């Protein structure tokens, strides 16, 4: 599946870091448990440079990667909530300004 294989650099930087461009946004594409207990074959992709790679990693590496993915998900959720709040505030301010300027009437809702 990939155009690169597992490199030793992931042990030092984490599976979430791209070995090509060092982006911390590497995403899992596919995984499967290997015949060796406690090891997973993992395919990953970087959304920044399109690097793809795969390799076999132990439970400790996978657990650390999972924590990074969870942290990234939490960050995205918080950012999304903030953006949605800011958008709603702007829409409300625009609506109030339109009401104050008599640009909206009851006919607009009929």
PDB file of N, CA and C in Angstrom:
ATOM      1  N   UNK A   1       0.799  -1.191   0.000  1.00  0.00           N
ATOM      2  CA  UNK A   1       0.000   0.000   0.000  1.00  0.00           C
ATOM      3  C   UNK A   1       0.840   1.253   0.000  1.00  0.00           C
ATOM      4  N   UNK A   2       1.996   1.277   0.611  1.00  0.00           N
ATOM      5  CA  UNK A   2       2.755   2.508   0.732  1.00  0.00           C
ATOM      6  C   UNK A   2       3.923   2.589  -0.221  1.00  0.00           C
ATOM      7  N   UNK A   3       4.478   3.785  -0.293  1.00  0.00           N
ATOM      8  CA  UNK A   3       5.663   3.975  -1.109  1.00  0.00           C
ATOM      9  C   UNK A   3       6.899   4.115  -0.240  1.00  0.00           C
ATOM     10  N   UNK A   4       6.726   3.877   1.036  1.00  0.00           N
ATOM     11  CA  UNK A   4       7.855   3.889   1.963  1.00  0.00           C
ATOM     12  C   UNK A   4       7.535   2.921   3.080  1.00  0.00           C
ATOM     13  N   UNK A   5       8.548   2.395   3.675  1.00  0.00           N
ATOM     14  CA  UNK A   5       8.313   1.461   4.766  1.00  0.00           C
ATOM     15  C   UNK A   5       8.690   2.101   6.084  1.00  0.00           C
ATOM     16  N   UNK A   6       8.440   1.370   7.134  1.00  0.00           N
ATOM     17  CA  UNK A   6       8.753   1.834   8.486  1.00  0.00           C
ATOM     18  C   UNK A   6      10.225   2.198   8.584  1.00  0.00           C
ATOM     19  N   UNK A   7      10.486   3.348   9.193  1.00  0.00           N
ATOM     20  CA  UNK A   7      11.867   3.745   9.423  1.00  0.00           C
ATOM     21  C   UNK A   7      12.088   3.883  10.916  1.00  0.00           C
ATOM     22  N   UNK A   8      13.318   3.820  11.326  1.00  0.00           N
ATOM     23  CA  UNK A   8      13.662   3.931  12.740  1.00  0.00           C
ATOM     24  C   UNK A   8      13.316   5.277  13.333  1.00  0.00           C
ATOM     25  N   UNK A   9      13.111   6.296  12.510  1.00  0.00           N
ATOM     26  CA  UNK A   9      12.838   7.629  13.030  1.00  0.00           C
ATOM     27  C   UNK A   9      11.541   7.699  13.809  1.00  0.00           C
ATOM     28  N   UNK A  10      10.584   6.811  13.528  1.00  0.00           N
ATOM     29  CA  UNK A  10       9.324   6.880  14.248  1.00  0.00           C
ATOM     30  C   UNK A  10       9.494   6.534  15.714  1.00  0.00           C
ATOM     31  N   UNK A  11      10.488   5.743  16.059  1.00  0.00           N
ATOM     32  CA  UNK A  11      10.719   5.438  17.473  1.00  0.00           C
ATOM     33  C   UNK A  11      11.127   6.685  18.244  1.00  0.00           C
ATOM     34  N   UNK A  12      11.835   7.596  17.572  1.00  0.00           N
ATOM     35  CA  UNK A  12      12.301   8.802  18.242  1.00  0.00           C
ATOM     36  C   UNK A  12      11.260   9.914  18.219  1.00  0.00           C
ATOM     37  N   UNK A  13      10.450   9.976  17.153  1.00  0.00           N
ATOM     38  CA  UNK A  13       9.533  11.094  16.996  1.00  0.00           C
ATOM     39  C   UNK A  13       8.076  10.732  17.192  1.00  0.00           C
ATOM     40  N   UNK A  14       7.723   9.504  17.130  1.00  0.00           N
ATOM     41  CA  UNK A  14       6.339   9.084  17.258  1.00  0.00           C
ATOM     42  C   UNK A  14       5.724   8.789  15.904  1.00  0.00           C
ATOM     43  N   UNK A  15       4.753   7.914  15.903  1.00  0.00           N
ATOM     44  CA  UNK A  15       4.109   7.504  14.666  1.00  0.00           C
ATOM     45  C   UNK A  15       3.271   8.616  14.046  1.00  0.00           C
ATOM     46  N   UNK A  16       2.955   9.650  14.823  1.00  0.00           N
ATOM     47  CA  UNK A  16       2.159  10.764  14.317  1.00  0.00           C
ATOM     48  C   UNK A  16       2.988  11.769  13.517  1.00  0.00           C
ATOM     49  N   UNK A  17       4.311  11.619  13.526  1.00  0.00           N
ATOM     50  CA  UNK A  17       5.199  12.558  12.834  1.00  0.00           C
ATOM     51  C   UNK A  17       5.633  11.957  11.503  1.00  0.00           C
ATOM     52  N   UNK A  18       5.489  12.756  10.439  1.00  0.00           N
ATOM     53  CA  UNK A  18       5.861  12.297   9.100  1.00  0.00           C
ATOM     54  C   UNK A  18       7.385  12.230   8.967  1.00  0.00           C
ATOM     55  N   UNK A  19       7.907  11.091   8.527  1.00  0.00           N
ATOM     56  CA  UNK A  19       9.355  10.983   8.342  1.00  0.00           C
ATOM     57  C   UNK A  19       9.844  11.767   7.123  1.00  0.00           C
ATOM     58  N   UNK A  20       8.942  12.227   6.281  1.00  0.00           N
ATOM     59  CA  UNK A  20       9.322  12.975   5.089  1.00  0.00           C
ATOM     60  C   UNK A  20       9.337  14.481   5.331  1.00  0.00           C
ATOM     61  N   UNK A  21       8.226  15.019   5.889  1.00  0.00           N
ATOM     62  CA  UNK A  21       8.126  16.482   6.047  1.00  0.00           C
ATOM     63  C   UNK A  21       8.041  16.924   7.506  1.00  0.00           C
ATOM     64  N   UNK A  22       8.054  16.006   8.450  1.00  0.00           N
ATOM     65  CA  UNK A  22       7.968  16.208   9.900  1.00  0.00           C
ATOM     66  C   UNK A  22       6.632  16.794  10.371  1.00  0.00           C
ATOM     67  N   UNK A  23       5.612  16.742   9.540  1.00  0.00           N
ATOM     68  CA  UNK A  23       4.279  17.166   9.974  1.00  0.00           C
ATOM     69  C   UNK A  23       3.813  16.250  11.108  1.00  0.00           C
ATOM     70  N   UNK A  24       3.188  16.805  12.145  1.00  0.00           N
ATOM     71  CA  UNK A  24       2.685  15.984  13.241  1.00  0.00           C
ATOM     72  C   UNK A  24       1.258  15.485  12.999  1.00  0.00           C
ATOM     73  N   UNK A  25       0.850  15.411  11.737  1.00  0.00           N
ATOM     74  CA  UNK A  25      -0.535  15.079  11.416  1.00  0.00           C
ATOM     75  C   UNK A  25      -0.712  13.736  10.710  1.00  0.00           C
ATOM     76  N   UNK A  26       0.246  12.833  10.818  1.00  0.00           N
ATOM     77  CA  UNK A  26       0.165  11.554  10.115  1.00  0.00           C
ATOM     78  C   UNK A  26      -1.029  10.761  10.633  1.00  0.00           C
ATOM     79  N   UNK A  27      -1.805  10.241   9.689  1.00  0.00           N
ATOM     80  CA  UNK A  27      -3.056   9.570  10.008  1.00  0.00           C
ATOM     81  C   UNK A  27      -2.978   8.081   9.694  1.00  0.00           C
ATOM     82  N   UNK A  28      -3.653   7.263  10.498  1.00  0.00           N
ATOM     83  CA  UNK A  28      -3.715   5.835  10.179  1.00  0.00           C
ATOM     84  C   UNK A  28      -4.658   5.616   9.002  1.00  0.00           C
ATOM     85  N   UNK A  29      -4.290   4.710   8.125  1.00  0.00           N
ATOM     86  CA  UNK A  29      -5.127   4.375   6.976  1.00  0.00           C
ATOM     87  C   UNK A  29      -5.743   2.991   7.177  1.00  0.00           C
ATOM     88  N   UNK A  30      -4.932   2.072   7.681  1.00  0.00           N
ATOM     89  CA  UNK A  30      -5.378   0.695   7.876  1.00  0.00           C
ATOM     90  C   UNK A  30      -4.456   0.044   8.900  1.00  0.00           C
ATOM     91  N   UNK A  31      -4.978  -0.919   9.624  1.00  0.00           N
ATOM     92  CA  UNK A  31      -4.144  -1.663  10.563  1.00  0.00           C
ATOM     93  C   UNK A  31      -4.697  -3.069  10.715  1.00  0.00           C
ATOM     94  N   UNK A  32      -3.807  -3.963  11.050  1.00  0.00           N
ATOM     95  CA  UNK A  32      -4.221  -5.333  11.344  1.00  0.00           C
ATOM     96  C   UNK A  32      -3.216  -5.951  12.298  1.00  0.00           C
ATOM     97  N   UNK A  33      -3.717  -6.805  13.148  1.00  0.00           N
ATOM     98  CA  UNK A  33      -2.847  -7.476  14.109  1.00  0.00           C
ATOM     99  C   UNK A  33      -2.006  -8.507  13.366  1.00  0.00           C
ATOM    100  N   UNK A  34      -0.742  -8.603  13.735  1.00  0.00           N
ATOM    101  CA  UNK A  34       0.147  -9.578  13.105  1.00  0.00           C
ATOM    102  C   UNK A  34       0.029 -10.909  13.847  1.00  0.00           C
ATOM    103  N   UNK A  35       0.703 -11.901  13.312  1.00  0.00           N
ATOM    104  CA  UNK A  35       0.710 -13.209  13.978  1.00  0.00           C
ATOM    105  C   UNK A  35       1.446 -13.146  15.314  1.00  0.00           C
ATOM    106  N   UNK A  36       2.386 -12.199  15.410  1.00  0.00           N
ATOM    107  CA  UNK A  36       3.139 -12.034  16.655  1.00  0.00           C
ATOM    108  C   UNK A  36       2.310 -11.198  17.629  1.00  0.00           C
ATOM    109  N   UNK A  37       1.974 -11.773  18.732  1.00  0.00           N
ATOM    110  CA  UNK A  37       1.131 -11.109  19.732  1.00  0.00           C
ATOM    111  C   UNK A  37       1.744  -9.768  20.157  1.00  0.00           C
ATOM    112  N   UNK A  38       0.904  -8.764  20.269  1.00  0.00           N
ATOM    113  CA  UNK A  38       1.367  -7.447  20.709  1.00  0.00           C
ATOM    114  C   UNK A  38       1.979  -6.600  19.614  1.00  0.00           C
ATOM    115  N   UNK A  39       1.814  -7.008  18.368  1.00  0.00           N
ATOM    116  CA  UNK A  39       2.356  -6.243  17.241  1.00  0.00           C
ATOM    117  C   UNK A  39       1.271  -6.007  16.198  1.00  0.00           C
ATOM    118  N   UNK A  40       1.333  -4.845  15.579  1.00  0.00           N
ATOM    119  CA  UNK A  40       0.338  -4.429  14.606  1.00  0.00           C
ATOM    120  C   UNK A  40       1.018  -3.967  13.321  1.00  0.00           C
ATOM    121  N   UNK A  41       0.454  -4.368  12.198  1.00  0.00           N
ATOM    122  CA  UNK A  41       0.891  -3.841  10.907  1.00  0.00           C
ATOM    123  C   UNK A  41       0.030  -2.607  10.669  1.00  0.00           C
ATOM    124  N   UNK A  42       0.681  -1.478  10.521  1.00  0.00           N
ATOM    125  CA  UNK A  42      -0.009  -0.196  10.434  1.00  0.00           C
ATOM    126  C   UNK A  42       0.374   0.527   9.151  1.00  0.00           C
ATOM    127  N   UNK A  43      -0.633   0.980   8.417  1.00  0.00           N
ATOM    128  CA  UNK A  43      -0.411   1.815   7.238  1.00  0.00           C
ATOM    129  C   UNK A  43      -0.787   3.233   7.615  1.00  0.00           C
ATOM    130  N   UNK A  44       0.077   4.176   7.244  1.00  0.00           N
ATOM    131  CA  UNK A  44      -0.141   5.583   7.606  1.00  0.00           C
ATOM    132  C   UNK A  44       0.013   6.476   6.381  1.00  0.00           C
ATOM    133  N   UNK A  45      -0.551   7.687   6.489  1.00  0.00           N
ATOM    134  CA  UNK A  45      -0.465   8.667   5.405  1.00  0.00           C
ATOM    135  C   UNK A  45      -0.350  10.066   5.998  1.00  0.00           C
ATOM    136  N   UNK A  46       0.477  10.886   5.356  1.00  0.00           N
ATOM    137  CA  UNK A  46       0.630  12.280   5.770  1.00  0.00           C
ATOM    138  C   UNK A  46      -0.258  13.163   4.879  1.00  0.00           C
ATOM    139  N   UNK A  47      -1.148  13.946   5.475  1.00  0.00           N
ATOM    140  CA  UNK A  47      -2.006  14.813   4.674  1.00  0.00           C
ATOM    141  C   UNK A  47      -1.268  16.038   4.134  1.00  0.00           C
ATOM    142  N   UNK A  48      -0.110  16.323   4.668  1.00  0.00           N
ATOM    143  CA  UNK A  48       0.652  17.496   4.242  1.00  0.00           C
ATOM    144  C   UNK A  48       1.442  17.243   2.956  1.00  0.00           C
ATOM    145  N   UNK A  49       2.165  16.126   2.896  1.00  0.00           N
ATOM    146  CA  UNK A  49       3.046  15.875   1.748  1.00  0.00           C
ATOM    147  C   UNK A  49       2.661  14.613   0.976  1.00  0.00           C
ATOM    148  N   UNK A  50       1.608  13.930   1.418  1.00  0.00           N
ATOM    149  CA  UNK A  50       1.101  12.699   0.797  1.00  0.00           C
ATOM    150  C   UNK A  50       2.028  11.501   0.965  1.00  0.00           C
ATOM    151  N   UNK A  51       2.992  11.584   1.882  1.00  0.00           N
ATOM    152  CA  UNK A  51       3.830  10.430   2.186  1.00  0.00           C
ATOM    153  C   UNK A  51       2.922   9.300   2.660  1.00  0.00           C
ATOM    154  N   UNK A  52       3.271   8.088   2.266  1.00  0.00           N
ATOM    155  CA  UNK A  52       2.572   6.899   2.741  1.00  0.00           C
ATOM    156  C   UNK A  52       3.604   5.871   3.175  1.00  0.00           C
ATOM    157  N   UNK A  53       3.310   5.172   4.223  1.00  0.00           N
ATOM    158  CA  UNK A  53       4.232   4.149   4.689  1.00  0.00           C
ATOM    159  C   UNK A  53       3.518   3.134   5.534  1.00  0.00           C
ATOM    160  N   UNK A  54       4.183   2.029   5.734  1.00  0.00           N
ATOM    161  CA  UNK A  54       3.625   1.000   6.588  1.00  0.00           C
ATOM    162  C   UNK A  54       4.749   0.346   7.355  1.00  0.00           C
ATOM    163  N   UNK A  55       4.382  -0.293   8.415  1.00  0.00           N
ATOM    164  CA  UNK A  55       5.368  -0.983   9.235  1.00  0.00           C
ATOM    165  C   UNK A  55       4.690  -1.745  10.352  1.00  0.00           C
ATOM    166  N   UNK A  56       5.468  -2.553  11.036  1.00  0.00           N
ATOM    167  CA  UNK A  56       4.974  -3.315  12.167  1.00  0.00           C
ATOM    168  C   UNK A  56       5.440  -2.616  13.438  1.00  0.00           C
ATOM    169  N   UNK A  57       4.505  -2.411  14.343  1.00  0.00           N
ATOM    170  CA  UNK A  57       4.791  -1.658  15.566  1.00  0.00           C
ATOM    171  C   UNK A  57       4.229  -2.407  16.764  1.00  0.00           C
ATOM    172  N   UNK A  58       4.891  -2.243  17.902  1.00  0.00           N
ATOM    173  CA  UNK A  58       4.447  -2.934  19.101  1.00  0.00           C
ATOM    174  C   UNK A  58       3.342  -2.148  19.812  1.00  0.00           C
ATOM    175  N   UNK A  59       2.759  -2.789  20.826  1.00  0.00           N
ATOM    176  CA  UNK A  59       1.645  -2.177  21.552  1.00  0.00           C
ATOM    177  C   UNK A  59       2.006  -0.830  22.167  1.00  0.00           C
ATOM    178  N   UNK A  60       3.229  -0.682  22.668  1.00  0.00           N
ATOM    179  CA  UNK A  60       3.628   0.585  23.277  1.00  0.00           C
ATOM    180  C   UNK A  60       3.605   1.724  22.253  1.00  0.00           C
ATOM    181  N   UNK A  61       4.120   1.468  21.059  1.00  0.00           N
ATOM    182  CA  UNK A  61       4.108   2.484  20.000  1.00  0.00           C
ATOM    183  C   UNK A  61       2.676   2.798  19.571  1.00  0.00           C
ATOM    184  N   UNK A  62       1.863   1.766  19.434  1.00  0.00           N
ATOM    185  CA  UNK A  62       0.466   1.956  19.018  1.00  0.00           C
ATOM    186  C   UNK A  62      -0.301   2.727  20.085  1.00  0.00           C
ATOM    187  N   UNK A  63      -0.066   2.405  21.363  1.00  0.00           N
ATOM    188  CA  UNK A  63      -0.737   3.120  22.450  1.00  0.00           C
ATOM    189  C   UNK A  63      -0.336   4.595  22.457  1.00  0.00           C
ATOM    190  N   UNK A  64       0.941   4.879  22.250  1.00  0.00           N
ATOM    191  CA  UNK A  64       1.408   6.267  22.204  1.00  0.00           C
ATOM    192  C   UNK A  64       0.786   7.001  21.010  1.00  0.00           C
ATOM    193  N   UNK A  65       0.704   6.330  19.872  1.00  0.00           N
ATOM    194  CA  UNK A  65       0.076   6.904  18.677  1.00  0.00           C
ATOM    195  C   UNK A  65      -1.399   7.188  18.939  1.00  0.00           C
ATOM    196  N   UNK A  66      -2.067   6.254  19.590  1.00  0.00           N
ATOM    197  CA  UNK A  66      -3.481   6.420  19.913  1.00  0.00           C
ATOM    198  C   UNK A  66      -3.699   7.641  20.810  1.00  0.00           C
ATOM    199  N   UNK A  67      -2.809   7.846  21.771  1.00  0.00           N
ATOM    200  CA  UNK A  67      -2.908   9.030  22.639  1.00  0.00           C
ATOM    201  C   UNK A  67      -2.753  10.313  21.826  1.00  0.00           C
ATOM    202  N   UNK A  68      -1.819  10.314  20.868  1.00  0.00           N
ATOM    203  CA  UNK A  68      -1.632  11.485  20.005  1.00  0.00           C
ATOM    204  C   UNK A  68      -2.872  11.731  19.149  1.00  0.00           C
ATOM    205  N   UNK A  69      -3.450  10.649  18.623  1.00  0.00           N
ATOM    206  CA  UNK A  69      -4.664  10.795  17.821  1.00  0.00           C
ATOM    207  C   UNK A  69      -5.811  11.339  18.665  1.00  0.00           C
ATOM    208  N   UNK A  70      -5.954  10.834  19.896  1.00  0.00           N
ATOM    209  CA  UNK A  70      -6.994  11.333  20.796  1.00  0.00           C
ATOM    210  C   UNK A  70      -6.788  12.811  21.115  1.00  0.00           C
ATOM    211  N   UNK A  71      -5.549  13.190  21.356  1.00  0.00           N
ATOM    212  CA  UNK A  71      -5.236  14.591  21.647  1.00  0.00           C
ATOM    213  C   UNK A  71      -5.589  15.476  20.450  1.00  0.00           C
ATOM    214  N   UNK A  72      -5.246  15.009  19.249  1.00  0.00           N
ATOM    215  CA  UNK A  72      -5.570  15.770  18.042  1.00  0.00           C
ATOM    216  C   UNK A  72      -7.066  15.898  17.841  1.00  0.00           C
ATOM    217  N   UNK A  73      -7.801  14.832  18.117  1.00  0.00           N
ATOM    218  CA  UNK A  73      -9.252  14.866  17.997  1.00  0.00           C
ATOM    219  C   UNK A  73      -9.847  15.866  18.977  1.00  0.00           C
ATOM    220  N   UNK A  74      -9.334  15.869  20.200  1.00  0.00           N
ATOM    221  CA  UNK A  74      -9.819  16.809  21.215  1.00  0.00           C
ATOM    222  C   UNK A  74      -9.533  18.252  20.794  1.00  0.00           C
ATOM    223  N   UNK A  75      -8.345  18.491  20.275  1.00  0.00           N
ATOM    224  CA  UNK A  75      -7.990  19.831  19.813  1.00  0.00           C
ATOM    225  C   UNK A  75      -8.925  20.282  18.693  1.00  0.00           C
ATOM    226  N   UNK A  76      -9.187  19.388  17.735  1.00  0.00           N
ATOM    227  CA  UNK A  76     -10.099  19.728  16.636  1.00  0.00           C
ATOM    228  C   UNK A  76     -11.505  20.022  17.148  1.00  0.00           C
ATOM    229  N   UNK A  77     -11.982  19.239  18.106  1.00  0.00           N
ATOM    230  CA  UNK A  77     -13.320  19.445  18.646  1.00  0.00           C
ATOM    231  C   UNK A  77     -13.427  20.798  19.352  1.00  0.00           C
ATOM    232  N   UNK A  78     -12.421  21.153  20.120  1.00  0.00           N
ATOM    233  CA  UNK A  78     -12.410  22.443  20.811  1.00  0.00           C
ATOM    234  C   UNK A  78     -12.370  23.583  19.788  1.00  0.00           C
ATOM    235  N   UNK A  79     -11.518  23.451  18.773  1.00  0.00           N
ATOM    236  CA  UNK A  79     -11.431  24.477  17.730  1.00  0.00           C
ATOM    237  C   UNK A  79     -12.750  24.615  16.978  1.00  0.00           C
ATOM    238  N   UNK A  80     -13.379  23.498  16.646  1.00  0.00           N
ATOM    239  CA  UNK A  80     -14.657  23.528  15.949  1.00  0.00           C
ATOM    240  C   UNK A  80     -15.720  24.220  16.789  1.00  0.00           C
ATOM    241  N   UNK A  81     -15.759  23.919  18.061  1.00  0.00           N
ATOM    242  CA  UNK A  81     -16.722  24.544  18.958  1.00  0.00           C
ATOM    243  C   UNK A  81     -16.504  26.059  19.018  1.00  0.00           C
ATOM    244  N   UNK A  82     -15.257  26.485  19.087  1.00  0.00           N
ATOM    245  CA  UNK A  82     -14.933  27.912  19.133  1.00  0.00           C
ATOM    246  C   UNK A  82     -15.334  28.604  17.831  1.00  0.00           C
ATOM    247  N   UNK A  83     -15.050  27.984  16.704  1.00  0.00           N
ATOM    248  CA  UNK A  83     -15.410  28.559  15.407  1.00  0.00           C
ATOM    249  C   UNK A  83     -16.926  28.659  15.267  1.00  0.00           C
ATOM    250  N   UNK A  84     -17.634  27.622  15.677  1.00  0.00           N
ATOM    251  CA  UNK A  84     -19.097  27.636  15.604  1.00  0.00           C
ATOM    252  C   UNK A  84     -19.665  28.741  16.482  1.00  0.00           C
ATOM    253  N   UNK A  85     -19.114  28.914  17.673  1.00  0.00           N
ATOM    254  CA  UNK A  85     -19.569  29.969  18.586  1.00  0.00           C
ATOM    255  C   UNK A  85     -19.332  31.348  17.968  1.00  0.00           C
ATOM    256  N   UNK A  86     -18.133  31.551  17.413  1.00  0.00           N
ATOM    257  CA  UNK A  86     -17.825  32.840  16.785  1.00  0.00           C
ATOM    258  C   UNK A  86     -18.738  33.118  15.593  1.00  0.00           C
ATOM    259  N   UNK A  87     -19.027  32.091  14.794  1.00  0.00           N
ATOM    260  CA  UNK A  87     -19.931  32.265  13.660  1.00  0.00           C
ATOM    261  C   UNK A  87     -21.339  32.640  14.119  1.00  0.00           C
ATOM    262  N   UNK A  88     -21.824  31.977  15.157  1.00  0.00           N
ATOM    263  CA  UNK A  88     -23.159  32.287  15.677  1.00  0.00           C
ATOM    264  C   UNK A  88     -23.209  33.708  16.235  1.00  0.00           C
ATOM    265  N   UNK A  89     -22.155  34.127  16.913  1.00  0.00           N
ATOM    266  CA  UNK A  89     -22.111  35.491  17.444  1.00  0.00           C
ATOM    267  C   UNK A  89     -22.156  36.513  16.312  1.00  0.00           C
ATOM    268  N   UNK A  90     -21.389  36.260  15.232  1.00  0.00           N
ATOM    269  CA  UNK A  90     -21.400  37.178  14.088  1.00  0.00           C
ATOM    270  C   UNK A  90     -22.772  37.215  13.419  1.00  0.00           C
ATOM    271  N   UNK A  91     -23.396  36.045  13.282  1.00  0.00           N
ATOM    272  CA  UNK A  91     -24.723  36.008  12.670  1.00  0.00           C
ATOM    273  C   UNK A  91     -25.735  36.763  13.536  1.00  0.00           C
ATOM    274  N   UNK A  92     -25.659  36.604  14.848  1.00  0.00           N
ATOM    275  CA  UNK A  92     -26.574  37.306  15.746  1.00  0.00           C
ATOM    276  C   UNK A  92     -26.342  38.815  15.680  1.00  0.00           C
ATOM    277  N   UNK A  93     -25.088  39.225  15.673  1.00  0.00           N
ATOM    278  CA  UNK A  93     -24.772  40.658  15.566  1.00  0.00           C
ATOM    279  C   UNK A  93     -25.284  41.243  14.252  1.00  0.00           C
ATOM    280  N   UNK A  94     -25.126  40.491  13.172  1.00  0.00           N
ATOM    281  CA  UNK A  94     -25.607  40.942  11.868  1.00  0.00           C
ATOM    282  C   UNK A  94     -27.123  41.039  11.865  1.00  0.00           C
ATOM    283  N   UNK A  95     -27.794  40.062  12.464  1.00  0.00           N
ATOM    284  CA  UNK A  95     -29.249  40.072  12.542  1.00  0.00           C
ATOM    285  C   UNK A  95     -29.745  41.263  13.357  1.00  0.00           C
ATOM    286  N   UNK A  96     -29.109  41.505  14.505  1.00  0.00           N
ATOM    287  CA  UNK A  96     -29.498  42.642  15.349  1.00  0.00           C
ATOM    288  C   UNK A  96     -29.275  43.952  14.605  1.00  0.00           C
ATOM    289  N   UNK A  97     -28.159  44.073  13.915  1.00  0.00           N
ATOM    290  CA  UNK A  97     -27.892  45.293  13.148  1.00  0.00           C
ATOM    291  C   UNK A  97     -28.938  45.479  12.053  1.00  0.00           C
ATOM    292  N   UNK A  98     -29.341  44.411  11.408  1.00  0.00           N
ATOM    293  CA  UNK A  98     -30.374  44.500  10.368  1.00  0.00           C
ATOM    294  C   UNK A  98     -31.714  44.895  10.977  1.00  0.00           C
ATOM    295  N   UNK A  99     -32.041  44.362  12.152  1.00  0.00           N
ATOM    296  CA  UNK A  99     -33.275  44.753  12.833  1.00  0.00           C
ATOM    297  C   UNK A  99     -33.232  46.229  13.217  1.00  0.00           C
ATOM    298  N   UNK A 100     -32.109  46.669  13.783  1.00  0.00           N
ATOM    299  CA  UNK A 100     -31.960  48.072  14.186  1.00  0.00           C
ATOM    300  C   UNK A 100     -32.079  49.019  12.996  1.00  0.00           C
ATOM    301  N   UNK A 101     -31.653  48.596  11.842  1.00  0.00           N
ATOM    302  CA  UNK A 101     -31.698  49.432  10.639  1.00  0.00           C
ATOM    303  C   UNK A 101     -33.020  49.250   9.884  1.00  0.00           C
ATOM    304  N   UNK A 102     -33.968  48.550  10.475  1.00  0.00           N
ATOM    305  CA  UNK A 102     -35.272  48.282   9.852  1.00  0.00           C
ATOM    306  C   UNK A 102     -35.139  47.612   8.489  1.00  0.00           C
ATOM    307  N   UNK A 103     -34.148  46.747   8.356  1.00  0.00           N
ATOM    308  CA  UNK A 103     -33.957  46.011   7.104  1.00  0.00           C
ATOM    309  C   UNK A 103     -34.736  44.696   7.092  1.00  0.00           C
ATOM    310  N   UNK A 104     -35.233  44.302   8.268  1.00  0.00           N
ATOM    311  CA  UNK A 104     -35.995  43.071   8.400  1.00  0.00           C
ATOM    312  C   UNK A 104     -37.367  43.422   8.957  1.00  0.00           C
ATOM    313  N   UNK A 105     -38.379  42.913   8.304  1.00  0.00           N
ATOM    314  CA  UNK A 105     -39.751  43.166   8.753  1.00  0.00           C
ATOM    315  C   UNK A 105     -40.462  41.834   8.948  1.00  0.00           C
ATOM    316  N   UNK A 106     -41.674  41.896   9.472  1.00  0.00           N
ATOM    317  CA  UNK A 106     -42.468  40.683   9.683  1.00  0.00           C
ATOM    318  C   UNK A 106     -42.722  39.967   8.370  1.00  0.00           C
ATOM    319  N   UNK A 107     -42.786  40.687   7.283  1.00  0.00           N
ATOM    320  CA  UNK A 107     -43.023  40.091   5.969  1.00  0.00           C
ATOM    321  C   UNK A 107     -41.890  39.129   5.562  1.00  0.00           C
ATOM    322  N   UNK A 108     -40.702  39.369   6.077  1.00  0.00           N
ATOM    323  CA  UNK A 108     -39.569  38.491   5.770  1.00  0.00           C
ATOM    324  C   UNK A 108     -39.757  37.084   6.326  1.00  0.00           C
ATOM    325  N   UNK A 109     -40.673  36.927   7.278  1.00  0.00           N
ATOM    326  CA  UNK A 109     -40.885  35.634   7.931  1.00  0.00           C
ATOM    327  C   UNK A 109     -42.210  34.993   7.524  1.00  0.00           C
ATOM    328  N   UNK A 110     -42.930  35.633   6.618  1.00  0.00           N
ATOM    329  CA  UNK A 110     -44.252  35.113   6.192  1.00  0.00           C
ATOM    330  C   UNK A 110     -44.111  34.050   5.134  1.00  0.00           C
TER     331      UNK A 110
END
